[in-house]
N, C-alpha and C. Protein backbone atom coordinates (compact mmCIF):
# COMPACT_ATOMS: atom_id res chain seq x y z
N MET A 1 0.82 -1.20 0.00
CA MET A 1 0.00 0.00 0.00
C MET A 1 0.86 1.26 0.00
N SER A 2 2.17 1.11 0.04
CA SER A 2 3.06 2.25 0.09
C SER A 2 3.01 3.08 -1.18
N SER A 3 2.55 2.49 -2.28
CA SER A 3 2.46 3.25 -3.54
C SER A 3 1.13 4.01 -3.64
N ALA A 4 0.25 3.83 -2.66
CA ALA A 4 -1.04 4.53 -2.68
C ALA A 4 -0.84 6.02 -2.46
N ILE A 5 -1.74 6.81 -2.99
CA ILE A 5 -1.72 8.25 -2.76
C ILE A 5 -2.23 8.49 -1.35
N LYS A 6 -1.41 9.19 -0.54
CA LYS A 6 -1.72 9.42 0.87
C LYS A 6 -2.32 10.80 1.08
N ILE A 7 -3.40 10.83 1.86
CA ILE A 7 -4.07 12.09 2.16
C ILE A 7 -4.23 12.20 3.68
N VAL A 8 -3.80 13.34 4.23
CA VAL A 8 -4.06 13.64 5.64
C VAL A 8 -5.36 14.45 5.67
N VAL A 9 -6.31 13.97 6.48
CA VAL A 9 -7.59 14.64 6.66
C VAL A 9 -7.62 15.22 8.07
N ALA A 10 -7.73 16.53 8.17
CA ALA A 10 -7.81 17.21 9.47
C ALA A 10 -9.21 17.79 9.64
N GLU A 11 -9.97 17.18 10.52
CA GLU A 11 -11.37 17.58 10.74
C GLU A 11 -11.72 17.23 12.18
N ASP A 12 -12.17 18.22 12.97
CA ASP A 12 -12.46 17.97 14.38
C ASP A 12 -13.79 17.27 14.61
N ASP A 13 -14.67 17.28 13.63
CA ASP A 13 -15.93 16.53 13.73
C ASP A 13 -15.63 15.08 13.35
N GLN A 14 -15.62 14.20 14.35
CA GLN A 14 -15.21 12.81 14.11
C GLN A 14 -16.10 12.12 13.08
N ASN A 15 -17.39 12.34 13.14
CA ASN A 15 -18.29 11.70 12.17
C ASN A 15 -17.96 12.14 10.75
N LEU A 16 -17.71 13.43 10.58
CA LEU A 16 -17.36 13.95 9.27
C LEU A 16 -16.00 13.40 8.82
N SER A 17 -15.06 13.28 9.75
CA SER A 17 -13.75 12.69 9.43
C SER A 17 -13.91 11.30 8.85
N TRP A 18 -14.76 10.51 9.49
CA TRP A 18 -14.96 9.13 9.05
C TRP A 18 -15.67 9.08 7.70
N VAL A 19 -16.58 10.03 7.46
CA VAL A 19 -17.24 10.11 6.15
C VAL A 19 -16.20 10.41 5.08
N TYR A 20 -15.36 11.44 5.32
CA TYR A 20 -14.31 11.77 4.35
C TYR A 20 -13.37 10.58 4.14
N GLN A 21 -12.99 9.94 5.24
CA GLN A 21 -12.07 8.81 5.14
C GLN A 21 -12.69 7.69 4.30
N SER A 22 -13.93 7.38 4.54
CA SER A 22 -14.62 6.33 3.81
C SER A 22 -14.69 6.66 2.31
N LEU A 23 -15.08 7.88 2.00
CA LEU A 23 -15.19 8.30 0.59
C LEU A 23 -13.83 8.23 -0.11
N LEU A 24 -12.81 8.72 0.56
CA LEU A 24 -11.48 8.74 -0.04
C LEU A 24 -10.90 7.33 -0.19
N GLN A 25 -11.14 6.48 0.80
CA GLN A 25 -10.66 5.10 0.70
C GLN A 25 -11.38 4.35 -0.42
N GLU A 26 -12.69 4.58 -0.56
CA GLU A 26 -13.44 3.95 -1.65
C GLU A 26 -12.90 4.39 -3.00
N ALA A 27 -12.36 5.62 -3.06
CA ALA A 27 -11.79 6.15 -4.30
C ALA A 27 -10.33 5.69 -4.49
N GLY A 28 -9.82 4.91 -3.54
CA GLY A 28 -8.48 4.33 -3.69
C GLY A 28 -7.36 5.07 -2.99
N TYR A 29 -7.69 6.05 -2.16
CA TYR A 29 -6.66 6.81 -1.46
C TYR A 29 -6.41 6.24 -0.06
N GLU A 30 -5.16 6.35 0.38
CA GLU A 30 -4.79 5.98 1.75
C GLU A 30 -5.00 7.22 2.61
N THR A 31 -5.82 7.12 3.65
CA THR A 31 -6.12 8.31 4.45
C THR A 31 -5.59 8.18 5.87
N HIS A 32 -5.21 9.32 6.41
CA HIS A 32 -4.73 9.43 7.78
C HIS A 32 -5.52 10.56 8.43
N ILE A 33 -6.17 10.28 9.55
CA ILE A 33 -7.08 11.22 10.18
C ILE A 33 -6.43 11.93 11.37
N ALA A 34 -6.69 13.24 11.45
CA ALA A 34 -6.28 14.05 12.60
C ALA A 34 -7.50 14.86 13.03
N PHE A 35 -7.65 15.04 14.34
CA PHE A 35 -8.80 15.77 14.86
C PHE A 35 -8.46 17.19 15.30
N ASN A 36 -7.18 17.59 15.14
CA ASN A 36 -6.78 18.98 15.42
C ASN A 36 -5.56 19.30 14.57
N GLY A 37 -5.19 20.56 14.54
CA GLY A 37 -4.11 21.02 13.69
C GLY A 37 -2.74 20.46 14.06
N MET A 38 -2.46 20.36 15.35
CA MET A 38 -1.16 19.83 15.78
C MET A 38 -1.01 18.36 15.38
N GLU A 39 -2.08 17.60 15.57
CA GLU A 39 -2.08 16.19 15.16
C GLU A 39 -1.85 16.09 13.65
N ALA A 40 -2.50 16.97 12.90
CA ALA A 40 -2.36 16.96 11.44
C ALA A 40 -0.93 17.27 11.04
N LEU A 41 -0.31 18.27 11.67
CA LEU A 41 1.06 18.63 11.33
C LEU A 41 2.01 17.48 11.65
N SER A 42 1.77 16.81 12.76
CA SER A 42 2.58 15.64 13.11
C SER A 42 2.45 14.55 12.05
N LEU A 43 1.21 14.30 11.59
CA LEU A 43 0.98 13.31 10.53
C LEU A 43 1.68 13.71 9.23
N VAL A 44 1.60 15.00 8.91
CA VAL A 44 2.26 15.48 7.68
C VAL A 44 3.74 15.13 7.71
N HIS A 45 4.36 15.33 8.87
CA HIS A 45 5.80 15.06 8.98
C HIS A 45 6.14 13.58 9.09
N SER A 46 5.17 12.76 9.47
CA SER A 46 5.47 11.32 9.59
C SER A 46 5.10 10.53 8.34
N VAL A 47 4.03 10.93 7.63
CA VAL A 47 3.63 10.15 6.44
C VAL A 47 3.92 10.86 5.12
N PHE A 48 4.29 12.15 5.16
CA PHE A 48 4.54 12.95 3.95
C PHE A 48 3.47 12.67 2.89
N PRO A 49 2.25 13.16 3.15
CA PRO A 49 1.13 12.88 2.25
C PRO A 49 1.28 13.59 0.91
N HIS A 50 0.49 13.13 -0.04
CA HIS A 50 0.42 13.77 -1.35
C HIS A 50 -0.54 14.96 -1.33
N LEU A 51 -1.41 15.00 -0.29
CA LEU A 51 -2.44 16.03 -0.19
C LEU A 51 -2.88 16.17 1.26
N ILE A 52 -3.24 17.41 1.63
CA ILE A 52 -3.82 17.68 2.94
C ILE A 52 -5.22 18.24 2.71
N LEU A 53 -6.19 17.63 3.36
CA LEU A 53 -7.58 18.08 3.32
C LEU A 53 -7.91 18.53 4.74
N THR A 54 -8.17 19.82 4.93
CA THR A 54 -8.34 20.32 6.29
C THR A 54 -9.50 21.29 6.43
N ASP A 55 -10.11 21.24 7.59
CA ASP A 55 -11.08 22.26 7.96
C ASP A 55 -10.29 23.53 8.26
N ALA A 56 -10.86 24.68 7.99
CA ALA A 56 -10.19 25.94 8.32
C ALA A 56 -10.20 26.16 9.83
N ILE A 57 -11.27 25.72 10.48
CA ILE A 57 -11.42 25.92 11.92
C ILE A 57 -11.15 24.59 12.63
N LEU A 58 -10.04 24.56 13.37
CA LEU A 58 -9.65 23.37 14.13
C LEU A 58 -9.23 23.80 15.52
N PRO A 59 -9.34 22.91 16.50
CA PRO A 59 -8.87 23.26 17.84
C PRO A 59 -7.35 23.38 17.87
N GLY A 60 -6.87 24.27 18.72
CA GLY A 60 -5.42 24.44 18.89
C GLY A 60 -4.84 25.21 17.72
N MET A 61 -4.31 24.50 16.75
CA MET A 61 -3.76 25.09 15.53
C MET A 61 -4.83 24.98 14.45
N ASP A 62 -5.28 26.13 13.91
CA ASP A 62 -6.33 26.06 12.89
C ASP A 62 -5.75 25.73 11.51
N GLY A 63 -6.61 25.61 10.53
CA GLY A 63 -6.16 25.24 9.19
C GLY A 63 -5.22 26.25 8.57
N PHE A 64 -5.42 27.53 8.89
CA PHE A 64 -4.54 28.57 8.36
C PHE A 64 -3.13 28.41 8.93
N GLU A 65 -3.06 28.18 10.24
CA GLU A 65 -1.74 27.98 10.88
C GLU A 65 -1.09 26.70 10.38
N LEU A 66 -1.90 25.68 10.15
CA LEU A 66 -1.39 24.43 9.59
C LEU A 66 -0.79 24.70 8.20
N ALA A 67 -1.52 25.44 7.37
CA ALA A 67 -1.03 25.76 6.03
C ALA A 67 0.27 26.56 6.10
N GLU A 68 0.34 27.51 7.03
CA GLU A 68 1.56 28.31 7.21
C GLU A 68 2.74 27.42 7.57
N ALA A 69 2.51 26.48 8.50
CA ALA A 69 3.58 25.58 8.93
C ALA A 69 4.03 24.67 7.79
N VAL A 70 3.08 24.16 7.02
CA VAL A 70 3.41 23.29 5.89
C VAL A 70 4.18 24.07 4.83
N ARG A 71 3.72 25.26 4.51
CA ARG A 71 4.37 26.09 3.49
C ARG A 71 5.74 26.59 3.95
N GLY A 72 5.92 26.72 5.25
CA GLY A 72 7.19 27.21 5.80
C GLY A 72 8.30 26.18 5.87
N ASN A 73 7.96 24.92 5.59
CA ASN A 73 8.95 23.85 5.68
C ASN A 73 9.31 23.39 4.26
N PRO A 74 10.60 23.48 3.88
CA PRO A 74 10.99 23.08 2.52
C PRO A 74 10.60 21.64 2.16
N ALA A 75 10.53 20.75 3.15
CA ALA A 75 10.19 19.35 2.89
C ALA A 75 8.71 19.15 2.57
N THR A 76 7.86 20.10 2.99
CA THR A 76 6.42 19.92 2.83
C THR A 76 5.75 21.04 2.03
N ARG A 77 6.48 22.06 1.66
CA ARG A 77 5.84 23.26 1.08
C ARG A 77 5.09 23.02 -0.22
N GLU A 78 5.41 21.95 -0.94
CA GLU A 78 4.75 21.69 -2.22
C GLU A 78 3.50 20.81 -2.11
N ILE A 79 3.19 20.35 -0.90
CA ILE A 79 2.01 19.49 -0.72
C ILE A 79 0.74 20.31 -0.95
N PRO A 80 -0.13 19.89 -1.87
CA PRO A 80 -1.38 20.63 -2.08
C PRO A 80 -2.26 20.57 -0.83
N ILE A 81 -2.97 21.66 -0.59
CA ILE A 81 -3.87 21.76 0.56
C ILE A 81 -5.25 22.17 0.05
N ILE A 82 -6.27 21.46 0.53
CA ILE A 82 -7.66 21.82 0.25
C ILE A 82 -8.32 22.15 1.58
N PHE A 83 -8.99 23.29 1.65
CA PHE A 83 -9.78 23.65 2.82
C PHE A 83 -11.23 23.24 2.58
N ILE A 84 -11.85 22.72 3.63
CA ILE A 84 -13.30 22.53 3.66
C ILE A 84 -13.77 23.21 4.92
N SER A 85 -14.70 24.15 4.78
CA SER A 85 -15.09 24.91 5.96
C SER A 85 -16.53 25.37 5.89
N GLY A 86 -17.12 25.48 7.05
CA GLY A 86 -18.45 26.05 7.17
C GLY A 86 -18.39 27.57 7.13
N VAL A 87 -17.19 28.13 7.26
CA VAL A 87 -16.98 29.57 7.20
C VAL A 87 -16.43 29.90 5.82
N ALA A 88 -17.18 30.67 5.06
CA ALA A 88 -16.76 30.94 3.68
C ALA A 88 -16.67 32.44 3.41
N GLU A 89 -16.19 33.19 4.39
CA GLU A 89 -16.04 34.64 4.22
C GLU A 89 -14.98 34.93 3.16
N ALA A 90 -15.16 35.99 2.43
CA ALA A 90 -14.21 36.37 1.38
C ALA A 90 -12.80 36.55 1.95
N ALA A 91 -12.69 37.15 3.13
CA ALA A 91 -11.38 37.38 3.75
C ALA A 91 -10.68 36.05 4.04
N ASP A 92 -11.44 35.05 4.47
CA ASP A 92 -10.85 33.73 4.75
C ASP A 92 -10.38 33.08 3.45
N ARG A 93 -11.19 33.19 2.42
CA ARG A 93 -10.80 32.63 1.11
C ARG A 93 -9.54 33.30 0.58
N GLU A 94 -9.46 34.62 0.74
CA GLU A 94 -8.28 35.37 0.28
C GLU A 94 -7.05 34.97 1.08
N ARG A 95 -7.21 34.84 2.41
CA ARG A 95 -6.09 34.43 3.26
C ARG A 95 -5.60 33.05 2.86
N ALA A 96 -6.54 32.14 2.62
CA ALA A 96 -6.19 30.78 2.20
C ALA A 96 -5.44 30.80 0.87
N ALA A 97 -5.91 31.61 -0.06
CA ALA A 97 -5.24 31.72 -1.37
C ALA A 97 -3.82 32.23 -1.21
N ARG A 98 -3.62 33.22 -0.33
CA ARG A 98 -2.27 33.75 -0.09
C ARG A 98 -1.34 32.68 0.49
N LEU A 99 -1.93 31.73 1.21
CA LEU A 99 -1.15 30.64 1.80
C LEU A 99 -0.93 29.49 0.83
N GLY A 100 -1.43 29.63 -0.39
CA GLY A 100 -1.22 28.59 -1.38
C GLY A 100 -2.19 27.43 -1.29
N VAL A 101 -3.36 27.67 -0.68
CA VAL A 101 -4.37 26.62 -0.60
C VAL A 101 -4.95 26.41 -1.99
N SER A 102 -4.98 25.15 -2.44
CA SER A 102 -5.43 24.82 -3.79
C SER A 102 -6.89 25.17 -4.02
N GLN A 103 -7.73 24.76 -3.08
CA GLN A 103 -9.17 24.99 -3.21
C GLN A 103 -9.77 25.21 -1.84
N TYR A 104 -10.89 25.95 -1.82
CA TYR A 104 -11.62 26.25 -0.59
C TYR A 104 -13.06 25.84 -0.82
N LEU A 105 -13.44 24.69 -0.27
CA LEU A 105 -14.78 24.17 -0.43
C LEU A 105 -15.64 24.52 0.78
N SER A 106 -16.91 24.82 0.53
CA SER A 106 -17.82 25.15 1.61
C SER A 106 -18.61 23.93 2.05
N LYS A 107 -18.80 23.80 3.36
CA LYS A 107 -19.63 22.73 3.90
C LYS A 107 -21.09 23.14 3.76
N PRO A 108 -21.98 22.23 3.52
CA PRO A 108 -21.71 20.82 3.24
C PRO A 108 -21.19 20.66 1.81
N VAL A 109 -20.20 19.82 1.65
CA VAL A 109 -19.61 19.62 0.33
C VAL A 109 -20.20 18.36 -0.30
N GLN A 110 -20.48 18.44 -1.58
CA GLN A 110 -21.00 17.29 -2.31
C GLN A 110 -19.85 16.30 -2.56
N VAL A 111 -20.16 15.02 -2.53
CA VAL A 111 -19.16 13.97 -2.75
C VAL A 111 -18.43 14.19 -4.08
N THR A 112 -19.18 14.46 -5.13
CA THR A 112 -18.56 14.64 -6.44
C THR A 112 -17.62 15.84 -6.45
N ASP A 113 -18.01 16.92 -5.76
CA ASP A 113 -17.16 18.11 -5.69
C ASP A 113 -15.88 17.82 -4.90
N LEU A 114 -16.01 17.07 -3.81
CA LEU A 114 -14.84 16.73 -3.00
C LEU A 114 -13.86 15.89 -3.81
N LEU A 115 -14.36 14.85 -4.45
CA LEU A 115 -13.48 13.97 -5.22
C LEU A 115 -12.86 14.70 -6.42
N ALA A 116 -13.62 15.59 -7.05
CA ALA A 116 -13.08 16.38 -8.17
C ALA A 116 -11.99 17.32 -7.68
N ALA A 117 -12.19 17.93 -6.51
CA ALA A 117 -11.18 18.84 -5.95
C ALA A 117 -9.90 18.08 -5.63
N VAL A 118 -10.04 16.88 -5.08
CA VAL A 118 -8.88 16.05 -4.75
C VAL A 118 -8.11 15.71 -6.02
N LYS A 119 -8.83 15.26 -7.03
CA LYS A 119 -8.17 14.91 -8.30
C LYS A 119 -7.48 16.11 -8.93
N THR A 120 -8.13 17.26 -8.90
CA THR A 120 -7.54 18.47 -9.46
C THR A 120 -6.28 18.86 -8.70
N ALA A 121 -6.35 18.85 -7.37
CA ALA A 121 -5.20 19.23 -6.54
C ALA A 121 -4.03 18.28 -6.75
N LEU A 122 -4.33 17.01 -7.00
CA LEU A 122 -3.29 16.02 -7.21
C LEU A 122 -2.79 16.01 -8.66
N GLY A 123 -3.48 16.76 -9.53
CA GLY A 123 -3.10 16.80 -10.93
C GLY A 123 -3.47 15.53 -11.69
N THR A 124 -4.53 14.86 -11.20
CA THR A 124 -4.95 13.60 -11.85
C THR A 124 -6.31 13.76 -12.53
N GLY A 125 -6.68 14.97 -12.86
CA GLY A 125 -7.97 15.18 -13.53
C GLY A 125 -8.97 15.80 -12.62
N GLY A 126 -10.24 15.68 -12.96
CA GLY A 126 -11.24 16.23 -12.08
C GLY A 126 -12.33 16.82 -12.86
């Protein structure tokens, strides 16, 4: 399974995390779940994922801080990041774009939109 595309999912809503994990695994991706930003950053450094899917609002370290930390590290700065958030203010979208976030999806996200965003961020279509 080491050749599988790895995705770190950072979402503090456990039920939603499991939904994302199930959808992504059914699509053939290896997923690693984190329930807060610090956990997600630790996973990023241990599994070196191909993609990070994160909520903008997380306990402790939020998605913006996670993106800053990922972008600030030469070993991880090229990993695509997708935000999924219930907060879709223009200022948040602009901040995410400045941090190099590939896409900013609003909750609730449709399955087809999520999978298309993942494929696009990974450069595998969409």
